[in-house]
Amino acid sequence: MMIAPLYMIAALAEIAGCFAVWAWLRSGHSIFWLIPGIGSLVLFAYLLTLSPADTAGRAYAAYGGIYIAASLGWMWSAEGQAPDRWDLIGLLLCLCGAAIILWAPRSG
């Protein structure tokens, strides 16, 4: 599986799982929201194990840039708040950092 779609699916799974907890604790939804939320978080953790990164820490760090992009997309689509220019500038910086972490040439 290509890395970008893998990380995007992982990000959606993580955001959905975290949102389920948010909906229960902050929005007064039923505790039963936790059932799909936990499943979604387990899926997220599994998907990160499929990363081609050589260490878990590097996989998580590279994933961070994609997570930020997905979070801003969630904010826009689910919460109705469009990202501002500072959000987008920060996102570009994070994506550049994630690309360096994942694809930098390494010796040894």
PDB file of N, CA and C in Angstrom:
ATOM      1  N   MET A   1       0.852  -1.182   0.000  1.00  0.00           N
ATOM      2  CA  MET A   1       0.000   0.000   0.000  1.00  0.00           C
ATOM      3  C   MET A   1       0.897   1.244   0.000  1.00  0.00           C
ATOM      4  N   MET A   2       0.537   2.243  -0.775  1.00  0.00           N
ATOM      5  CA  MET A   2       1.308   3.479  -0.808  1.00  0.00           C
ATOM      6  C   MET A   2       1.180   4.198   0.531  1.00  0.00           C
ATOM      7  N   ILE A   3       2.208   4.934   0.904  1.00  0.00           N
ATOM      8  CA  ILE A   3       2.278   5.530   2.233  1.00  0.00           C
ATOM      9  C   ILE A   3       1.237   6.634   2.454  1.00  0.00           C
ATOM     10  N   ALA A   4       1.006   7.519   1.494  1.00  0.00           N
ATOM     11  CA  ALA A   4       0.061   8.621   1.700  1.00  0.00           C
ATOM     12  C   ALA A   4      -1.359   8.113   1.960  1.00  0.00           C
ATOM     13  N   PRO A   5      -1.896   7.204   1.133  1.00  0.00           N
ATOM     14  CA  PRO A   5      -3.238   6.691   1.447  1.00  0.00           C
ATOM     15  C   PRO A   5      -3.287   5.938   2.777  1.00  0.00           C
ATOM     16  N   LEU A   6      -2.220   5.207   3.093  1.00  0.00           N
ATOM     17  CA  LEU A   6      -2.172   4.493   4.368  1.00  0.00           C
ATOM     18  C   LEU A   6      -2.286   5.463   5.536  1.00  0.00           C
ATOM     19  N   TYR A   7      -1.493   6.525   5.488  1.00  0.00           N
ATOM     20  CA  TYR A   7      -1.527   7.511   6.567  1.00  0.00           C
ATOM     21  C   TYR A   7      -2.859   8.279   6.593  1.00  0.00           C
ATOM     22  N   MET A   8      -3.444   8.528   5.439  1.00  0.00           N
ATOM     23  CA  MET A   8      -4.738   9.233   5.419  1.00  0.00           C
ATOM     24  C   MET A   8      -5.838   8.374   6.055  1.00  0.00           C
ATOM     25  N   ILE A   9      -5.846   7.088   5.736  1.00  0.00           N
ATOM     26  CA  ILE A   9      -6.845   6.196   6.329  1.00  0.00           C
ATOM     27  C   ILE A   9      -6.609   6.087   7.839  1.00  0.00           C
ATOM     28  N   ALA A  10      -5.332   5.997   8.231  1.00  0.00           N
ATOM     29  CA  ALA A  10      -5.004   5.946   9.658  1.00  0.00           C
ATOM     30  C   ALA A  10      -5.468   7.222  10.357  1.00  0.00           C
ATOM     31  N   ALA A  11      -5.256   8.369   9.724  1.00  0.00           N
ATOM     32  CA  ALA A  11      -5.668   9.640  10.319  1.00  0.00           C
ATOM     33  C   ALA A  11      -7.180   9.703  10.496  1.00  0.00           C
ATOM     34  N   LEU A  12      -7.916   9.271   9.490  1.00  0.00           N
ATOM     35  CA  LEU A  12      -9.380   9.276   9.614  1.00  0.00           C
ATOM     36  C   LEU A  12      -9.838   8.343  10.730  1.00  0.00           C
ATOM     37  N   ALA A  13      -9.170   7.204  10.850  1.00  0.00           N
ATOM     38  CA  ALA A  13      -9.528   6.275  11.933  1.00  0.00           C
ATOM     39  C   ALA A  13      -9.232   6.888  13.297  1.00  0.00           C
ATOM     40  N   GLU A  14      -8.080   7.551  13.416  1.00  0.00           N
ATOM     41  CA  GLU A  14      -7.741   8.174  14.702  1.00  0.00           C
ATOM     42  C   GLU A  14      -8.695   9.315  15.040  1.00  0.00           C
ATOM     43  N   ILE A  15      -8.958  10.166  14.084  1.00  0.00           N
ATOM     44  CA  ILE A  15      -9.859  11.302  14.328  1.00  0.00           C
ATOM     45  C   ILE A  15     -11.252  10.806  14.683  1.00  0.00           C
ATOM     46  N   ALA A  16     -11.754   9.811  13.968  1.00  0.00           N
ATOM     47  CA  ALA A  16     -13.087   9.273  14.273  1.00  0.00           C
ATOM     48  C   ALA A  16     -13.131   8.693  15.681  1.00  0.00           C
ATOM     49  N   GLY A  17     -12.083   7.954  16.065  1.00  0.00           N
ATOM     50  CA  GLY A  17     -12.041   7.383  17.405  1.00  0.00           C
ATOM     51  C   GLY A  17     -11.981   8.450  18.482  1.00  0.00           C
ATOM     52  N   CYS A  18     -11.142   9.439  18.278  1.00  0.00           N
ATOM     53  CA  CYS A  18     -11.043  10.529  19.257  1.00  0.00           C
ATOM     54  C   CYS A  18     -12.327  11.352  19.298  1.00  0.00           C
ATOM     55  N   PHE A  19     -12.947  11.556  18.135  1.00  0.00           N
ATOM     56  CA  PHE A  19     -14.199  12.311  18.109  1.00  0.00           C
ATOM     57  C   PHE A  19     -15.304  11.580  18.870  1.00  0.00           C
ATOM     58  N   ALA A  20     -15.293  10.256  18.826  1.00  0.00           N
ATOM     59  CA  ALA A  20     -16.299   9.488  19.572  1.00  0.00           C
ATOM     60  C   ALA A  20     -16.167   9.759  21.072  1.00  0.00           C
ATOM     61  N   VAL A  21     -14.931   9.818  21.556  1.00  0.00           N
ATOM     62  CA  VAL A  21     -14.717  10.138  22.976  1.00  0.00           C
ATOM     63  C   VAL A  21     -15.141  11.576  23.248  1.00  0.00           C
ATOM     64  N   TRP A  22     -14.794  12.492  22.366  1.00  0.00           N
ATOM     65  CA  TRP A  22     -15.191  13.899  22.495  1.00  0.00           C
ATOM     66  C   TRP A  22     -16.720  14.011  22.544  1.00  0.00           C
ATOM     67  N   ALA A  23     -17.385  13.306  21.632  1.00  0.00           N
ATOM     68  CA  ALA A  23     -18.851  13.369  21.578  1.00  0.00           C
ATOM     69  C   ALA A  23     -19.472  12.864  22.876  1.00  0.00           C
ATOM     70  N   TRP A  24     -18.888  11.835  23.448  1.00  0.00           N
ATOM     71  CA  TRP A  24     -19.408  11.286  24.704  1.00  0.00           C
ATOM     72  C   TRP A  24     -19.147  12.229  25.871  1.00  0.00           C
ATOM     73  N   LEU A  25     -17.901  12.675  26.021  1.00  0.00           N
ATOM     74  CA  LEU A  25     -17.544  13.465  27.193  1.00  0.00           C
ATOM     75  C   LEU A  25     -17.909  14.940  27.086  1.00  0.00           C
ATOM     76  N   ARG A  26     -17.795  15.508  25.895  1.00  0.00           N
ATOM     77  CA  ARG A  26     -17.996  16.949  25.770  1.00  0.00           C
ATOM     78  C   ARG A  26     -19.347  17.336  25.177  1.00  0.00           C
ATOM     79  N   SER A  27     -19.946  16.427  24.409  1.00  0.00           N
ATOM     80  CA  SER A  27     -21.205  16.776  23.743  1.00  0.00           C
ATOM     81  C   SER A  27     -22.406  16.040  24.303  1.00  0.00           C
ATOM     82  N   GLY A  28     -22.191  15.214  25.327  1.00  0.00           N
ATOM     83  CA  GLY A  28     -23.310  14.553  25.979  1.00  0.00           C
ATOM     84  C   GLY A  28     -23.914  13.385  25.227  1.00  0.00           C
ATOM     85  N   HIS A  29     -23.215  12.836  24.255  1.00  0.00           N
ATOM     86  CA  HIS A  29     -23.739  11.670  23.546  1.00  0.00           C
ATOM     87  C   HIS A  29     -23.618  10.426  24.417  1.00  0.00           C
ATOM     88  N   SER A  30     -24.289   9.389  24.018  1.00  0.00           N
ATOM     89  CA  SER A  30     -24.318   8.124  24.746  1.00  0.00           C
ATOM     90  C   SER A  30     -22.926   7.511  24.880  1.00  0.00           C
ATOM     91  N   ILE A  31     -22.718   6.802  25.972  1.00  0.00           N
ATOM     92  CA  ILE A  31     -21.464   6.077  26.178  1.00  0.00           C
ATOM     93  C   ILE A  31     -21.239   5.041  25.074  1.00  0.00           C
ATOM     94  N   PHE A  32     -22.295   4.643  24.396  1.00  0.00           N
ATOM     95  CA  PHE A  32     -22.175   3.661  23.325  1.00  0.00           C
ATOM     96  C   PHE A  32     -21.399   4.199  22.120  1.00  0.00           C
ATOM     97  N   TRP A  33     -21.169   5.506  22.078  1.00  0.00           N
ATOM     98  CA  TRP A  33     -20.297   6.071  21.051  1.00  0.00           C
ATOM     99  C   TRP A  33     -18.881   5.519  21.187  1.00  0.00           C
ATOM    100  N   LEU A  34     -18.536   5.042  22.381  1.00  0.00           N
ATOM    101  CA  LEU A  34     -17.185   4.516  22.599  1.00  0.00           C
ATOM    102  C   LEU A  34     -16.937   3.193  21.880  1.00  0.00           C
ATOM    103  N   ILE A  35     -17.980   2.441  21.595  1.00  0.00           N
ATOM    104  CA  ILE A  35     -17.798   1.141  20.941  1.00  0.00           C
ATOM    105  C   ILE A  35     -17.158   1.313  19.560  1.00  0.00           C
ATOM    106  N   PRO A  36     -17.749   2.086  18.642  1.00  0.00           N
ATOM    107  CA  PRO A  36     -17.057   2.271  17.360  1.00  0.00           C
ATOM    108  C   PRO A  36     -15.780   3.094  17.523  1.00  0.00           C
ATOM    109  N   GLY A  37     -15.760   3.961  18.525  1.00  0.00           N
ATOM    110  CA  GLY A  37     -14.564   4.766  18.757  1.00  0.00           C
ATOM    111  C   GLY A  37     -13.353   3.915  19.093  1.00  0.00           C
ATOM    112  N   ILE A  38     -13.520   2.946  19.957  1.00  0.00           N
ATOM    113  CA  ILE A  38     -12.423   2.058  20.321  1.00  0.00           C
ATOM    114  C   ILE A  38     -11.994   1.219  19.111  1.00  0.00           C
ATOM    115  N   GLY A  39     -12.964   0.713  18.369  1.00  0.00           N
ATOM    116  CA  GLY A  39     -12.631  -0.044  17.161  1.00  0.00           C
ATOM    117  C   GLY A  39     -11.841   0.798  16.173  1.00  0.00           C
ATOM    118  N   SER A  40     -12.226   2.038  16.044  1.00  0.00           N
ATOM    119  CA  SER A  40     -11.541   2.939  15.135  1.00  0.00           C
ATOM    120  C   SER A  40     -10.100   3.201  15.593  1.00  0.00           C
ATOM    121  N   LEU A  41      -9.900   3.350  16.891  1.00  0.00           N
ATOM    122  CA  LEU A  41      -8.547   3.576  17.406  1.00  0.00           C
ATOM    123  C   LEU A  41      -7.662   2.338  17.261  1.00  0.00           C
ATOM    124  N   VAL A  42      -8.253   1.157  17.407  1.00  0.00           N
ATOM    125  CA  VAL A  42      -7.492  -0.082  17.179  1.00  0.00           C
ATOM    126  C   VAL A  42      -7.090  -0.172  15.702  1.00  0.00           C
ATOM    127  N   LEU A  43      -8.005   0.161  14.800  1.00  0.00           N
ATOM    128  CA  LEU A  43      -7.684   0.170  13.372  1.00  0.00           C
ATOM    129  C   LEU A  43      -6.550   1.151  13.089  1.00  0.00           C
ATOM    130  N   PHE A  44      -6.614   2.323  13.676  1.00  0.00           N
ATOM    131  CA  PHE A  44      -5.557   3.326  13.507  1.00  0.00           C
ATOM    132  C   PHE A  44      -4.196   2.759  13.915  1.00  0.00           C
ATOM    133  N   ALA A  45      -4.125   2.147  15.082  1.00  0.00           N
ATOM    134  CA  ALA A  45      -2.853   1.603  15.560  1.00  0.00           C
ATOM    135  C   ALA A  45      -2.336   0.504  14.628  1.00  0.00           C
ATOM    136  N   TYR A  46      -3.222  -0.341  14.168  1.00  0.00           N
ATOM    137  CA  TYR A  46      -2.834  -1.403  13.232  1.00  0.00           C
ATOM    138  C   TYR A  46      -2.270  -0.806  11.942  1.00  0.00           C
ATOM    139  N   LEU A  47      -2.960   0.187  11.399  1.00  0.00           N
ATOM    140  CA  LEU A  47      -2.526   0.775  10.131  1.00  0.00           C
ATOM    141  C   LEU A  47      -1.129   1.378  10.233  1.00  0.00           C
ATOM    142  N   LEU A  48      -0.797   1.971  11.377  1.00  0.00           N
ATOM    143  CA  LEU A  48       0.545   2.540  11.516  1.00  0.00           C
ATOM    144  C   LEU A  48       1.626   1.467  11.485  1.00  0.00           C
ATOM    145  N   THR A  49       1.286   0.240  11.860  1.00  0.00           N
ATOM    146  CA  THR A  49       2.283  -0.831  11.793  1.00  0.00           C
ATOM    147  C   THR A  49       2.631  -1.190  10.351  1.00  0.00           C
ATOM    148  N   LEU A  50       1.809  -0.780   9.402  1.00  0.00           N
ATOM    149  CA  LEU A  50       2.055  -1.072   7.986  1.00  0.00           C
ATOM    150  C   LEU A  50       2.979  -0.054   7.327  1.00  0.00           C
ATOM    151  N   SER A  51       3.379   0.973   8.065  1.00  0.00           N
ATOM    152  CA  SER A  51       4.265   1.997   7.516  1.00  0.00           C
ATOM    153  C   SER A  51       5.609   1.389   7.124  1.00  0.00           C
ATOM    154  N   PRO A  52       6.199   1.870   6.028  1.00  0.00           N
ATOM    155  CA  PRO A  52       7.511   1.362   5.630  1.00  0.00           C
ATOM    156  C   PRO A  52       8.672   1.934   6.449  1.00  0.00           C
ATOM    157  N   ALA A  53       8.398   2.835   7.372  1.00  0.00           N
ATOM    158  CA  ALA A  53       9.470   3.416   8.189  1.00  0.00           C
ATOM    159  C   ALA A  53      10.187   2.313   8.958  1.00  0.00           C
ATOM    160  N   ASP A  54      11.474   2.527   9.209  1.00  0.00           N
ATOM    161  CA  ASP A  54      12.281   1.491   9.854  1.00  0.00           C
ATOM    162  C   ASP A  54      12.100   1.426  11.373  1.00  0.00           C
ATOM    163  N   THR A  55      11.542   2.447  11.983  1.00  0.00           N
ATOM    164  CA  THR A  55      11.280   2.431  13.425  1.00  0.00           C
ATOM    165  C   THR A  55       9.879   2.980  13.689  1.00  0.00           C
ATOM    166  N   ALA A  56       9.311   2.573  14.798  1.00  0.00           N
ATOM    167  CA  ALA A  56       7.963   3.038  15.160  1.00  0.00           C
ATOM    168  C   ALA A  56       7.950   4.552  15.354  1.00  0.00           C
ATOM    169  N   GLY A  57       8.949   5.076  16.041  1.00  0.00           N
ATOM    170  CA  GLY A  57       8.998   6.521  16.284  1.00  0.00           C
ATOM    171  C   GLY A  57       9.031   7.329  15.006  1.00  0.00           C
ATOM    172  N   ARG A  58       9.792   6.857  14.028  1.00  0.00           N
ATOM    173  CA  ARG A  58       9.864   7.560  12.745  1.00  0.00           C
ATOM    174  C   ARG A  58       8.537   7.461  12.003  1.00  0.00           C
ATOM    175  N   ALA A  59       7.873   6.320  12.081  1.00  0.00           N
ATOM    176  CA  ALA A  59       6.552   6.170  11.448  1.00  0.00           C
ATOM    177  C   ALA A  59       5.560   7.136  12.075  1.00  0.00           C
ATOM    178  N   TYR A  60       5.576   7.253  13.401  1.00  0.00           N
ATOM    179  CA  TYR A  60       4.647   8.151  14.092  1.00  0.00           C
ATOM    180  C   TYR A  60       4.947   9.613  13.761  1.00  0.00           C
ATOM    181  N   ALA A  61       6.230   9.957  13.706  1.00  0.00           N
ATOM    182  CA  ALA A  61       6.611  11.341  13.406  1.00  0.00           C
ATOM    183  C   ALA A  61       6.190  11.728  11.991  1.00  0.00           C
ATOM    184  N   ALA A  62       6.451  10.849  11.026  1.00  0.00           N
ATOM    185  CA  ALA A  62       6.068  11.144   9.642  1.00  0.00           C
ATOM    186  C   ALA A  62       4.552  11.217   9.504  1.00  0.00           C
ATOM    187  N   TYR A  63       3.857  10.361  10.219  1.00  0.00           N
ATOM    188  CA  TYR A  63       2.397  10.352  10.202  1.00  0.00           C
ATOM    189  C   TYR A  63       1.824  11.672  10.720  1.00  0.00           C
ATOM    190  N   GLY A  64       2.541  12.320  11.613  1.00  0.00           N
ATOM    191  CA  GLY A  64       2.047  13.557  12.218  1.00  0.00           C
ATOM    192  C   GLY A  64       1.630  14.609  11.208  1.00  0.00           C
ATOM    193  N   GLY A  65       2.389  14.759  10.131  1.00  0.00           N
ATOM    194  CA  GLY A  65       2.030  15.749   9.113  1.00  0.00           C
ATOM    195  C   GLY A  65       0.706  15.431   8.442  1.00  0.00           C
ATOM    196  N   ILE A  66       0.489  14.166   8.154  1.00  0.00           N
ATOM    197  CA  ILE A  66      -0.771  13.746   7.537  1.00  0.00           C
ATOM    198  C   ILE A  66      -1.922  13.924   8.523  1.00  0.00           C
ATOM    199  N   TYR A  67      -1.664  13.629   9.795  1.00  0.00           N
ATOM    200  CA  TYR A  67      -2.699  13.807  10.819  1.00  0.00           C
ATOM    201  C   TYR A  67      -3.130  15.267  10.898  1.00  0.00           C
ATOM    202  N   ILE A  68      -2.191  16.175  10.818  1.00  0.00           N
ATOM    203  CA  ILE A  68      -2.528  17.599  10.873  1.00  0.00           C
ATOM    204  C   ILE A  68      -3.397  17.980   9.675  1.00  0.00           C
ATOM    205  N   ALA A  69      -3.058  17.480   8.492  1.00  0.00           N
ATOM    206  CA  ALA A  69      -3.874  17.759   7.304  1.00  0.00           C
ATOM    207  C   ALA A  69      -5.291  17.216   7.483  1.00  0.00           C
ATOM    208  N   ALA A  70      -5.390  15.997   7.964  1.00  0.00           N
ATOM    209  CA  ALA A  70      -6.711  15.394   8.168  1.00  0.00           C
ATOM    210  C   ALA A  70      -7.494  16.143   9.245  1.00  0.00           C
ATOM    211  N   SER A  71      -6.814  16.602  10.281  1.00  0.00           N
ATOM    212  CA  SER A  71      -7.493  17.350  11.349  1.00  0.00           C
ATOM    213  C   SER A  71      -8.074  18.655  10.827  1.00  0.00           C
ATOM    214  N   LEU A  72      -7.309  19.355   9.989  1.00  0.00           N
ATOM    215  CA  LEU A  72      -7.831  20.596   9.409  1.00  0.00           C
ATOM    216  C   LEU A  72      -8.990  20.306   8.455  1.00  0.00           C
ATOM    217  N   GLY A  73      -8.889  19.199   7.718  1.00  0.00           N
ATOM    218  CA  GLY A  73     -10.005  18.795   6.863  1.00  0.00           C
ATOM    219  C   GLY A  73     -11.245  18.471   7.672  1.00  0.00           C
ATOM    220  N   TRP A  74     -11.073  17.805   8.806  1.00  0.00           N
ATOM    221  CA  TRP A  74     -12.187  17.492   9.700  1.00  0.00           C
ATOM    222  C   TRP A  74     -12.807  18.784  10.236  1.00  0.00           C
ATOM    223  N   MET A  75     -11.947  19.705  10.673  1.00  0.00           N
ATOM    224  CA  MET A  75     -12.430  20.980  11.201  1.00  0.00           C
ATOM    225  C   MET A  75     -13.306  21.689  10.162  1.00  0.00           C
ATOM    226  N   TRP A  76     -12.876  21.622   8.904  1.00  0.00           N
ATOM    227  CA  TRP A  76     -13.607  22.306   7.842  1.00  0.00           C
ATOM    228  C   TRP A  76     -14.895  21.576   7.490  1.00  0.00           C
ATOM    229  N   SER A  77     -14.815  20.253   7.288  1.00  0.00           N
ATOM    230  CA  SER A  77     -15.987  19.518   6.816  1.00  0.00           C
ATOM    231  C   SER A  77     -16.974  19.167   7.927  1.00  0.00           C
ATOM    232  N   ALA A  78     -16.496  18.768   9.083  1.00  0.00           N
ATOM    233  CA  ALA A  78     -17.403  18.320  10.146  1.00  0.00           C
ATOM    234  C   ALA A  78     -17.804  19.435  11.099  1.00  0.00           C
ATOM    235  N   GLU A  79     -16.919  20.428  11.267  1.00  0.00           N
ATOM    236  CA  GLU A  79     -17.208  21.483  12.239  1.00  0.00           C
ATOM    237  C   GLU A  79     -17.520  22.830  11.593  1.00  0.00           C
ATOM    238  N   GLY A  80     -17.402  22.898  10.269  1.00  0.00           N
ATOM    239  CA  GLY A  80     -17.786  24.102   9.544  1.00  0.00           C
ATOM    240  C   GLY A  80     -16.843  25.278   9.701  1.00  0.00           C
ATOM    241  N   GLN A  81     -15.626  25.044  10.159  1.00  0.00           N
ATOM    242  CA  GLN A  81     -14.652  26.123  10.338  1.00  0.00           C
ATOM    243  C   GLN A  81     -13.540  25.956   9.309  1.00  0.00           C
ATOM    244  N   ALA A  82     -13.472  26.858   8.358  1.00  0.00           N
ATOM    245  CA  ALA A  82     -12.444  26.771   7.315  1.00  0.00           C
ATOM    246  C   ALA A  82     -11.078  27.124   7.890  1.00  0.00           C
ATOM    247  N   PRO A  83     -10.044  26.415   7.467  1.00  0.00           N
ATOM    248  CA  PRO A  83      -8.692  26.772   7.910  1.00  0.00           C
ATOM    249  C   PRO A  83      -8.318  28.168   7.415  1.00  0.00           C
ATOM    250  N   ASP A  84      -7.587  28.911   8.243  1.00  0.00           N
ATOM    251  CA  ASP A  84      -7.124  30.220   7.800  1.00  0.00           C
ATOM    252  C   ASP A  84      -5.713  30.093   7.228  1.00  0.00           C
ATOM    253  N   ARG A  85      -5.158  31.197   6.803  1.00  0.00           N
ATOM    254  CA  ARG A  85      -3.846  31.127   6.149  1.00  0.00           C
ATOM    255  C   ARG A  85      -2.774  30.605   7.084  1.00  0.00           C
ATOM    256  N   TRP A  86      -2.884  30.876   8.375  1.00  0.00           N
ATOM    257  CA  TRP A  86      -1.887  30.390   9.329  1.00  0.00           C
ATOM    258  C   TRP A  86      -1.992  28.874   9.504  1.00  0.00           C
ATOM    259  N   ASP A  87      -3.214  28.369   9.471  1.00  0.00           N
ATOM    260  CA  ASP A  87      -3.394  26.914   9.498  1.00  0.00           C
ATOM    261  C   ASP A  87      -2.697  26.281   8.288  1.00  0.00           C
ATOM    262  N   LEU A  88      -2.898  26.882   7.129  1.00  0.00           N
ATOM    263  CA  LEU A  88      -2.340  26.317   5.894  1.00  0.00           C
ATOM    264  C   LEU A  88      -0.819  26.442   5.843  1.00  0.00           C
ATOM    265  N   ILE A  89      -0.280  27.562   6.317  1.00  0.00           N
ATOM    266  CA  ILE A  89       1.176  27.715   6.384  1.00  0.00           C
ATOM    267  C   ILE A  89       1.763  26.668   7.335  1.00  0.00           C
ATOM    268  N   GLY A  90       1.146  26.510   8.491  1.00  0.00           N
ATOM    269  CA  GLY A  90       1.609  25.505   9.448  1.00  0.00           C
ATOM    270  C   GLY A  90       1.531  24.108   8.871  1.00  0.00           C
ATOM    271  N   LEU A  91       0.459  23.829   8.148  1.00  0.00           N
ATOM    272  CA  LEU A  91       0.305  22.520   7.516  1.00  0.00           C
ATOM    273  C   LEU A  91       1.432  22.251   6.522  1.00  0.00           C
ATOM    274  N   LEU A  92       1.740  23.231   5.679  1.00  0.00           N
ATOM    275  CA  LEU A  92       2.815  23.044   4.698  1.00  0.00           C
ATOM    276  C   LEU A  92       4.151  22.769   5.382  1.00  0.00           C
ATOM    277  N   LEU A  93       4.429  23.489   6.459  1.00  0.00           N
ATOM    278  CA  LEU A  93       5.665  23.243   7.201  1.00  0.00           C
ATOM    279  C   LEU A  93       5.692  21.823   7.773  1.00  0.00           C
ATOM    280  N   CYS A  94       4.560  21.386   8.317  1.00  0.00           N
ATOM    281  CA  CYS A  94       4.484  20.040   8.898  1.00  0.00           C
ATOM    282  C   CYS A  94       4.646  18.959   7.835  1.00  0.00           C
ATOM    283  N   LEU A  95       4.020  19.142   6.681  1.00  0.00           N
ATOM    284  CA  LEU A  95       4.145  18.156   5.614  1.00  0.00           C
ATOM    285  C   LEU A  95       5.579  18.077   5.093  1.00  0.00           C
ATOM    286  N   CYS A  96       6.252  19.222   5.011  1.00  0.00           N
ATOM    287  CA  CYS A  96       7.658  19.198   4.604  1.00  0.00           C
ATOM    288  C   CYS A  96       8.489  18.437   5.634  1.00  0.00           C
ATOM    289  N   GLY A  97       8.243  18.694   6.908  1.00  0.00           N
ATOM    290  CA  GLY A  97       8.965  17.982   7.959  1.00  0.00           C
ATOM    291  C   GLY A  97       8.692  16.494   7.926  1.00  0.00           C
ATOM    292  N   ALA A  98       7.446  16.110   7.724  1.00  0.00           N
ATOM    293  CA  ALA A  98       7.093  14.685   7.661  1.00  0.00           C
ATOM    294  C   ALA A  98       7.788  14.005   6.487  1.00  0.00           C
ATOM    295  N   ALA A  99       7.854  14.689   5.348  1.00  0.00           N
ATOM    296  CA  ALA A  99       8.521  14.114   4.162  1.00  0.00           C
ATOM    297  C   ALA A  99      10.007  13.929   4.424  1.00  0.00           C
ATOM    298  N   ILE A 100      10.633  14.896   5.065  1.00  0.00           N
ATOM    299  CA  ILE A 100      12.057  14.772   5.392  1.00  0.00           C
ATOM    300  C   ILE A 100      12.288  13.592   6.328  1.00  0.00           C
ATOM    301  N   ILE A 101      11.466  13.479   7.353  1.00  0.00           N
ATOM    302  CA  ILE A 101      11.620  12.390   8.315  1.00  0.00           C
ATOM    303  C   ILE A 101      11.466  11.031   7.627  1.00  0.00           C
ATOM    304  N   LEU A 102      10.489  10.906   6.762  1.00  0.00           N
ATOM    305  CA  LEU A 102      10.202   9.611   6.152  1.00  0.00           C
ATOM    306  C   LEU A 102      11.172   9.236   5.053  1.00  0.00           C
ATOM    307  N   TRP A 103      11.537  10.179   4.199  1.00  0.00           N
ATOM    308  CA  TRP A 103      12.291   9.851   2.995  1.00  0.00           C
ATOM    309  C   TRP A 103      13.746  10.335   2.969  1.00  0.00           C
ATOM    310  N   ALA A 104      14.242  10.884   4.050  1.00  0.00           N
ATOM    311  CA  ALA A 104      15.644  11.338   4.044  1.00  0.00           C
ATOM    312  C   ALA A 104      16.581  10.152   3.845  1.00  0.00           C
ATOM    313  N   PRO A 105      17.629  10.361   3.053  1.00  0.00           N
ATOM    314  CA  PRO A 105      18.594   9.268   2.888  1.00  0.00           C
ATOM    315  C   PRO A 105      19.350   9.048   4.198  1.00  0.00           C
ATOM    316  N   ARG A 106      19.432   7.824   4.605  1.00  0.00           N
ATOM    317  CA  ARG A 106      20.085   7.510   5.867  1.00  0.00           C
ATOM    318  C   ARG A 106      21.179   6.474   5.624  1.00  0.00           C
ATOM    319  N   SER A 107      22.229   6.611   6.377  1.00  0.00           N
ATOM    320  CA  SER A 107      23.295   5.595   6.295  1.00  0.00           C
ATOM    321  C   SER A 107      23.202   4.704   7.509  1.00  0.00           C
ATOM    322  N   GLY A 108      23.482   3.444   7.287  1.00  0.00           N
ATOM    323  CA  GLY A 108      23.520   2.489   8.375  1.00  0.00           C
ATOM    324  C   GLY A 108      22.236   2.076   8.825  1.00  0.00           C
TER     325      GLY A 108
END
